[in-house]
C-alpha atoms as a PDB file:
ATOM      1  CA  MET A   1       0.000   0.000   0.000  1.00  0.00           C
ATOM      2  CA  ILE A   2       1.146   3.554  -0.771  1.00  0.00           C
ATOM      3  CA  VAL A   3       0.205   6.480   1.443  1.00  0.00           C
ATOM      4  CA  LYS A   4      -2.140   8.760  -0.532  1.00  0.00           C
ATOM      5  CA  GLU A   5      -0.034  11.871   0.128  1.00  0.00           C
ATOM      6  CA  GLY A   6       2.737  10.235  -1.894  1.00  0.00           C
ATOM      7  CA  LEU A   7       0.705   9.409  -5.005  1.00  0.00           C
ATOM      8  CA  PRO A   8       1.662  12.621  -6.898  1.00  0.00           C
ATOM      9  CA  TYR A   9       5.338  11.762  -6.360  1.00  0.00           C
ATOM     10  CA  VAL A  10       4.817   8.182  -7.513  1.00  0.00           C
ATOM     11  CA  LEU A  11       2.674   8.883 -10.566  1.00  0.00           C
ATOM     12  CA  GLY A  12       4.293  12.122 -11.719  1.00  0.00           C
ATOM     13  CA  PRO A  13       7.770  10.918 -12.796  1.00  0.00           C
ATOM     14  CA  GLY A  14       6.476   7.857 -14.636  1.00  0.00           C
ATOM     15  CA  THR A  15       3.789   9.782 -16.490  1.00  0.00           C
ATOM     16  CA  LEU A  16       6.153  12.590 -17.435  1.00  0.00           C
ATOM     17  CA  GLY A  17       8.861  10.134 -18.526  1.00  0.00           C
ATOM     18  CA  ALA A  18       6.373   8.146 -20.620  1.00  0.00           C
ATOM     19  CA  VAL A  19       5.066  11.256 -22.379  1.00  0.00           C
ATOM     20  CA  ILE A  20       8.501  12.740 -23.078  1.00  0.00           C
ATOM     21  CA  GLY A  21       9.932   9.357 -24.056  1.00  0.00           C
ATOM     22  CA  HIS A  22       7.052   8.752 -26.450  1.00  0.00           C
ATOM     23  CA  LEU A  23       7.255  12.210 -28.023  1.00  0.00           C
ATOM     24  CA  THR A  24      11.041  12.165 -28.416  1.00  0.00           C
ATOM     25  CA  LYS A  25      11.323   8.427 -29.147  1.00  0.00           C
ATOM     26  CA  LYS A  26      13.908   8.188 -26.363  1.00  0.00           C
ATOM     27  CA  LYS A  27      13.297   5.066 -24.307  1.00  0.00           C
ATOM     28  CA  PRO A  28      15.939   5.918 -21.657  1.00  0.00           C
ATOM     29  CA  LEU A  29      13.723   8.842 -20.554  1.00  0.00           C
ATOM     30  CA  LEU A  30      10.803   6.474 -20.167  1.00  0.00           C
ATOM     31  CA  TYR A  31      12.884   3.989 -18.181  1.00  0.00           C
ATOM     32  CA  ALA A  32      14.300   6.761 -15.992  1.00  0.00           C
ATOM     33  CA  GLY A  33      10.784   8.013 -15.207  1.00  0.00           C
ATOM     34  CA  LEU A  34       9.566   4.531 -14.348  1.00  0.00           C
ATOM     35  CA  GLY A  35      12.635   3.951 -12.189  1.00  0.00           C
ATOM     36  CA  LEU A  36      12.023   7.168 -10.268  1.00  0.00           C
ATOM     37  CA  SER A  37       8.371   6.224  -9.801  1.00  0.00           C
ATOM     38  CA  ALA A  38       9.433   2.863  -8.396  1.00  0.00           C
ATOM     39  CA  ALA A  39      11.804   4.590  -5.972  1.00  0.00           C
ATOM     40  CA  MET A  40       9.020   6.956  -4.844  1.00  0.00           C
ATOM     41  CA  ALA A  41       6.632   4.027  -4.382  1.00  0.00           C
ATOM     42  CA  PHE A  42       9.207   2.363  -2.125  1.00  0.00           C
ATOM     43  CA  PHE A  43       9.665   5.545  -0.084  1.00  0.00           C
ATOM     44  CA  PHE A  44       5.930   6.224   0.323  1.00  0.00           C
ATOM     45  CA  ARG A  45       4.995   2.632   1.171  1.00  0.00           C
ATOM     46  CA  ASP A  46       2.513   2.251   4.002  1.00  0.00           C
ATOM     47  CA  PRO A  47       2.436  -1.350   5.250  1.00  0.00           C
ATOM     48  CA  ASP A  48      -0.162  -2.601   7.694  1.00  0.00           C
ATOM     49  CA  ARG A  49       1.021  -2.883  11.274  1.00  0.00           C
ATOM     50  CA  TYR A  50      -0.389  -4.913  14.170  1.00  0.00           C
ATOM     51  CA  PRO A  51       0.157  -3.521  17.693  1.00  0.00           C
ATOM     52  CA  PRO A  52       0.501  -5.678  20.816  1.00  0.00           C
ATOM     53  CA  PHE A  53      -2.589  -5.751  23.033  1.00  0.00           C
ATOM     54  CA  ASP A  54      -1.268  -4.082  26.169  1.00  0.00           C
ATOM     55  CA  ARG A  55      -2.572  -0.624  27.090  1.00  0.00           C
ATOM     56  CA  GLU A  56       0.477   0.090  29.285  1.00  0.00           C
ATOM     57  CA  LEU A  57       2.982  -0.169  26.423  1.00  0.00           C
ATOM     58  CA  ILE A  58       4.372   2.952  24.737  1.00  0.00           C
ATOM     59  CA  LEU A  59       4.889   1.946  21.100  1.00  0.00           C
ATOM     60  CA  ALA A  60       7.466   3.274  18.668  1.00  0.00           C
ATOM     61  CA  PRO A  61       5.993   6.147  16.606  1.00  0.00           C
ATOM     62  CA  ALA A  62       8.473   5.583  13.765  1.00  0.00           C
ATOM     63  CA  ASP A  63      10.581   2.974  11.998  1.00  0.00           C
ATOM     64  CA  GLY A  64      14.317   3.384  12.473  1.00  0.00           C
ATOM     65  CA  ARG A  65      17.203   3.261  14.906  1.00  0.00           C
ATOM     66  CA  ILE A  66      17.238   4.484  18.512  1.00  0.00           C
ATOM     67  CA  VAL A  67      19.742   7.366  18.642  1.00  0.00           C
ATOM     68  CA  THR A  68      18.748   9.097  21.894  1.00  0.00           C
ATOM     69  CA  ILE A  69      17.596   7.958  25.323  1.00  0.00           C
ATOM     70  CA  ARG A  70      17.791  10.838  27.755  1.00  0.00           C
ATOM     71  CA  ARG A  71      16.150  11.847  31.009  1.00  0.00           C
ATOM     72  CA  GLU A  72      15.391  15.564  31.168  1.00  0.00           C
ATOM     73  CA  LYS A  73      12.814  18.165  32.193  1.00  0.00           C
ATOM     74  CA  GLU A  74      10.154  19.031  29.622  1.00  0.00           C
ATOM     75  CA  ASP A  75       8.666  22.414  30.515  1.00  0.00           C
ATOM     76  CA  ARG A  76       6.544  23.313  27.494  1.00  0.00           C
ATOM     77  CA  PHE A  77       3.929  20.556  27.196  1.00  0.00           C
ATOM     78  CA  LEU A  78       4.351  17.881  29.876  1.00  0.00           C
ATOM     79  CA  GLU A  79       5.893  20.062  32.609  1.00  0.00           C
ATOM     80  CA  THR A  80       7.638  17.137  34.277  1.00  0.00           C
ATOM     81  CA  GLU A  81      10.687  14.895  34.145  1.00  0.00           C
ATOM     82  CA  VAL A  82      10.564  12.719  31.035  1.00  0.00           C
ATOM     83  CA  TYR A  83      12.487  10.147  29.106  1.00  0.00           C
ATOM     84  CA  ARG A  84      13.086  11.401  25.581  1.00  0.00           C
ATOM     85  CA  ILE A  85      13.575   8.583  23.078  1.00  0.00           C
ATOM     86  CA  GLY A  86      14.798   9.606  19.626  1.00  0.00           C
ATOM     87  CA  ILE A  87      14.379   7.486  16.484  1.00  0.00           C
ATOM     88  CA  PHE A  88      16.354   8.272  13.320  1.00  0.00           C
ATOM     89  CA  MET A  89      14.672   7.313  10.047  1.00  0.00           C
ATOM     90  CA  SER A  90      16.921   6.725   7.048  1.00  0.00           C
ATOM     91  CA  LEU A  91      15.734   7.105   3.466  1.00  0.00           C
ATOM     92  CA  PHE A  92      15.090   3.349   3.436  1.00  0.00           C
ATOM     93  CA  ASP A  93      12.730   3.288   6.440  1.00  0.00           C
ATOM     94  CA  VAL A  94       8.933   3.546   6.261  1.00  0.00           C
ATOM     95  CA  HIS A  95       8.128   7.215   6.875  1.00  0.00           C
ATOM     96  CA  VAL A  96       4.545   6.958   8.104  1.00  0.00           C
ATOM     97  CA  ASN A  97       4.465   7.846  11.814  1.00  0.00           C
ATOM     98  CA  ARG A  98       2.005   6.259  14.235  1.00  0.00           C
ATOM     99  CA  SER A  99       0.473   6.974  17.619  1.00  0.00           C
ATOM    100  CA  PRO A 100       2.338   5.310  20.509  1.00  0.00           C
ATOM    101  CA  VAL A 101      -0.843   5.032  22.612  1.00  0.00           C
ATOM    102  CA  THR A 102      -4.621   5.064  22.434  1.00  0.00           C
ATOM    103  CA  GLY A 103      -6.041   8.418  23.451  1.00  0.00           C
ATOM    104  CA  ARG A 104      -6.970  11.920  22.304  1.00  0.00           C
ATOM    105  CA  VAL A 105      -4.899  14.514  20.453  1.00  0.00           C
ATOM    106  CA  LEU A 106      -4.874  17.496  22.820  1.00  0.00           C
ATOM    107  CA  ASP A 107      -2.788  19.753  20.603  1.00  0.00           C
ATOM    108  CA  ILE A 108      -0.696  19.905  17.429  1.00  0.00           C
ATOM    109  CA  VAL A 109       1.915  22.651  17.172  1.00  0.00           C
ATOM    110  CA  HIS A 110       4.172  23.459  14.215  1.00  0.00           C
ATOM    111  CA  GLU A 111       7.459  25.215  15.026  1.00  0.00           C
ATOM    112  CA  PRO A 112       9.761  26.694  12.326  1.00  0.00           C
ATOM    113  CA  GLY A 113      13.486  26.109  12.686  1.00  0.00           C
ATOM    114  CA  LYS A 114      16.706  24.966  11.075  1.00  0.00           C
ATOM    115  CA  PHE A 115      17.407  21.886   8.936  1.00  0.00           C
ATOM    116  CA  LEU A 116      20.424  20.328  10.652  1.00  0.00           C
ATOM    117  CA  PRO A 117      21.217  16.633  10.005  1.00  0.00           C
ATOM    118  CA  ALA A 118      18.501  14.692  11.819  1.00  0.00           C
ATOM    119  CA  ASN A 119      20.884  12.105  13.274  1.00  0.00           C
ATOM    120  CA  LYS A 120      22.416  14.830  15.475  1.00  0.00           C
ATOM    121  CA  ASP A 121      20.810  15.343  18.889  1.00  0.00           C
ATOM    122  CA  GLU A 122      20.852  19.143  18.524  1.00  0.00           C
ATOM    123  CA  ALA A 123      18.267  18.724  15.757  1.00  0.00           C
ATOM    124  CA  TYR A 124      15.675  18.199  18.511  1.00  0.00           C
ATOM    125  CA  ARG A 125      16.330  21.687  19.856  1.00  0.00           C
ATOM    126  CA  GLU A 126      16.965  23.647  16.675  1.00  0.00           C
ATOM    127  CA  ASN A 127      15.214  22.049  13.685  1.00  0.00           C
ATOM    128  CA  GLU A 128      11.757  22.659  12.297  1.00  0.00           C
ATOM    129  CA  LYS A 129       9.314  20.325  14.018  1.00  0.00           C
ATOM    130  CA  ARG A 130       5.710  19.392  14.712  1.00  0.00           C
ATOM    131  CA  TYR A 131       4.488  18.437  18.202  1.00  0.00           C
ATOM    132  CA  TYR A 132       1.608  16.034  18.877  1.00  0.00           C
ATOM    133  CA  LEU A 133       0.377  16.098  22.485  1.00  0.00           C
ATOM    134  CA  ILE A 134      -1.642  12.938  23.111  1.00  0.00           C
ATOM    135  CA  GLU A 135      -3.524  12.130  26.304  1.00  0.00           C
ATOM    136  CA  ARG A 136      -3.684   8.411  27.017  1.00  0.00           C
ATOM    137  CA  LEU A 137      -7.054   7.068  28.167  1.00  0.00           C
ATOM    138  CA  ASP A 138      -5.910   7.145  31.798  1.00  0.00           C
ATOM    139  CA  GLY A 139      -5.058  10.845  31.539  1.00  0.00           C
ATOM    140  CA  VAL A 140      -1.277  10.468  31.131  1.00  0.00           C
ATOM    141  CA  PRO A 141       0.140  12.856  28.482  1.00  0.00           C
ATOM    142  CA  ILE A 142       2.593  11.593  25.836  1.00  0.00           C
ATOM    143  CA  LEU A 143       4.444  13.871  23.427  1.00  0.00           C
ATOM    144  CA  VAL A 144       5.440  12.859  19.874  1.00  0.00           C
ATOM    145  CA  VAL A 145       7.723  15.197  17.914  1.00  0.00           C
ATOM    146  CA  GLN A 146       8.337  15.019  14.155  1.00  0.00           C
ATOM    147  CA  ILE A 147      11.649  16.702  13.315  1.00  0.00           C
ATOM    148  CA  ALA A 148      12.565  17.866   9.822  1.00  0.00           C
ATOM    149  CA  GLY A 149      16.118  17.171   8.662  1.00  0.00           C
ATOM    150  CA  LEU A 150      18.710  18.122   6.086  1.00  0.00           C
ATOM    151  CA  ILE A 151      16.703  16.574   3.232  1.00  0.00           C
ATOM    152  CA  ALA A 152      13.281  16.151   4.851  1.00  0.00           C
ATOM    153  CA  ARG A 153      11.801  19.629   5.072  1.00  0.00           C
ATOM    154  CA  ARG A 154       8.124  18.998   5.541  1.00  0.00           C
ATOM    155  CA  THR A 155       6.110  17.284   8.247  1.00  0.00           C
ATOM    156  CA  VAL A 156       2.626  16.183   7.174  1.00  0.00           C
ATOM    157  CA  PRO A 157      -0.087  15.619   9.827  1.00  0.00           C
ATOM    158  CA  PHE A 158      -2.850  13.078   9.221  1.00  0.00           C
ATOM    159  CA  VAL A 159      -4.817  13.987  12.372  1.00  0.00           C
ATOM    160  CA  ARG A 160      -6.219  17.153  13.909  1.00  0.00           C
ATOM    161  CA  LYS A 161      -6.507  18.581  17.400  1.00  0.00           C
ATOM    162  CA  GLY A 162      -9.327  16.834  19.245  1.00  0.00           C
ATOM    163  CA  ASP A 163      -9.153  13.591  17.232  1.00  0.00           C
ATOM    164  CA  GLU A 164      -9.360  10.243  19.004  1.00  0.00           C
ATOM    165  CA  VAL A 165      -6.511   7.918  18.014  1.00  0.00           C
ATOM    166  CA  LEU A 166      -5.771   4.262  18.557  1.00  0.00           C
ATOM    167  CA  ALA A 167      -2.341   2.890  19.362  1.00  0.00           C
ATOM    168  CA  CYS A 168      -0.604   2.285  16.002  1.00  0.00           C
ATOM    169  CA  GLU A 169      -2.977   4.636  14.138  1.00  0.00           C
ATOM    170  CA  ARG A 170      -1.301   6.888  11.556  1.00  0.00           C
ATOM    171  CA  LEU A 171      -0.392  10.355  12.883  1.00  0.00           C
ATOM    172  CA  GLY A 172       1.478  11.752   9.881  1.00  0.00           C
ATOM    173  CA  MET A 173       4.725  11.457   7.970  1.00  0.00           C
ATOM    174  CA  ILE A 174       7.987  13.280   7.254  1.00  0.00           C
ATOM    175  CA  ARG A 175       9.088  13.438   3.645  1.00  0.00           C
ATOM    176  CA  PHE A 176      12.536  12.063   2.784  1.00  0.00           C
ATOM    177  CA  GLY A 177      14.289  10.899   5.953  1.00  0.00           C
ATOM    178  CA  SER A 178      14.323  12.478   9.380  1.00  0.00           C
ATOM    179  CA  ARG A 179      13.747  11.913  13.088  1.00  0.00           C
ATOM    180  CA  VAL A 180      10.878  11.322  15.525  1.00  0.00           C
ATOM    181  CA  GLU A 181      11.000  11.696  19.298  1.00  0.00           C
ATOM    182  CA  VAL A 182       8.604  10.384  21.926  1.00  0.00           C
ATOM    183  CA  LEU A 183       8.617  11.919  25.418  1.00  0.00           C
ATOM    184  CA  VAL A 184       7.194   9.846  28.261  1.00  0.00           C
ATOM    185  CA  PRO A 185       6.761  10.884  31.926  1.00  0.00           C
ATOM    186  CA  ALA A 186       9.732   9.387  33.782  1.00  0.00           C
ATOM    187  CA  GLU A 187       7.946   8.406  36.991  1.00  0.00           C
ATOM    188  CA  ASN A 188       7.401   4.619  37.197  1.00  0.00           C
ATOM    189  CA  VAL A 189       8.257   4.079  33.534  1.00  0.00           C
ATOM    190  CA  ARG A 190      10.333   1.056  32.494  1.00  0.00           C
ATOM    191  CA  LEU A 191      12.382   1.423  29.341  1.00  0.00           C
ATOM    192  CA  LEU A 192      12.380  -1.550  26.965  1.00  0.00           C
ATOM    193  CA  VAL A 193      14.957  -0.419  24.372  1.00  0.00           C
ATOM    194  CA  ASN A 194      18.621   0.534  24.290  1.00  0.00           C
ATOM    195  CA  MET A 195      20.717   2.775  22.073  1.00  0.00           C
ATOM    196  CA  GLY A 196      21.138   1.364  18.576  1.00  0.00           C
ATOM    197  CA  HIS A 197      18.050  -0.862  18.652  1.00  0.00           C
ATOM    198  CA  ARG A 198      15.990  -0.895  15.457  1.00  0.00           C
ATOM    199  CA  VAL A 199      12.232  -0.490  15.924  1.00  0.00           C
ATOM    200  CA  ARG A 200       9.048  -0.624  13.834  1.00  0.00           C
ATOM    201  CA  ALA A 201       6.294   1.966  14.191  1.00  0.00           C
ATOM    202  CA  GLY A 202       3.151   0.738  15.902  1.00  0.00           C
ATOM    203  CA  GLU A 203       4.573  -2.668  16.800  1.00  0.00           C
ATOM    204  CA  CYS A 204       7.761  -2.344  18.857  1.00  0.00           C
ATOM    205  CA  PRO A 205       7.324  -1.247  22.498  1.00  0.00           C
ATOM    206  CA  LEU A 206       9.709   1.462  23.705  1.00  0.00           C
ATOM    207  CA  ALA A 207       8.592   1.539  27.335  1.00  0.00           C
ATOM    208  CA  LEU A 208       6.044   0.262  29.801  1.00  0.00           C
ATOM    209  CA  LEU A 209       4.146   2.923  31.751  1.00  0.00           C
ATOM    210  CA  PRO A 210       1.786   1.523  34.407  1.00  0.00           C
ATOM    211  CA  TRP A 211      -1.851   2.525  34.049  1.00  0.00           C
ATOM    212  CA  LYS A 212      -2.751   5.470  36.214  1.00  0.00           C
ATOM    213  CA  LYS A 213      -5.080   4.502  39.058  1.00  0.00           C
ATOM    214  CA  ASN A 214      -8.701   5.569  38.493  1.00  0.00           C
ATOM    215  CA  GLY A 215      -7.765   6.120  34.830  1.00  0.00           C
END
């Protein structure tokens, strides 16, 4: 399956190459267009994912490699000590991002910034990004951050403020390689990944956060 936002990129090169190749009688142009379309189809692929049935798990929001695990204070959205887990997506990873929990989207905020290489930790502070504040069903807030990179310069949301989302449901995507962070309240959380681990969005658990009492 191909994510619908990528269809213009997939269909455009092949159609243009076919038309120009036909008009000029130059088959290499046709083959080049079809090759580029195939590459775009690979990049914009959107495979089905099947989350584990455990409401206390915090799932990976992105495919890729764990490049940051850091405990720090988050003052803007969560206003508490958190674990920030960063996932770097290469050009070869699936770029559809998914909700780490079932809950409600409390806010979505776009923030302009730089376009530093996304595998560098300073990209979290300085690069253009989009925040998704999600409240789990027990009232615990989780923050997902899409970070634009050197090549990826656009974050695309699939949800809106106030939407209800299921764990593993599609949140959005970043075009052409970048980074996604998930910030989880640090109290009582148990991390399930280490630096360098490869994860799959919507399926691989990053942490276990006990259900809040009376939630």
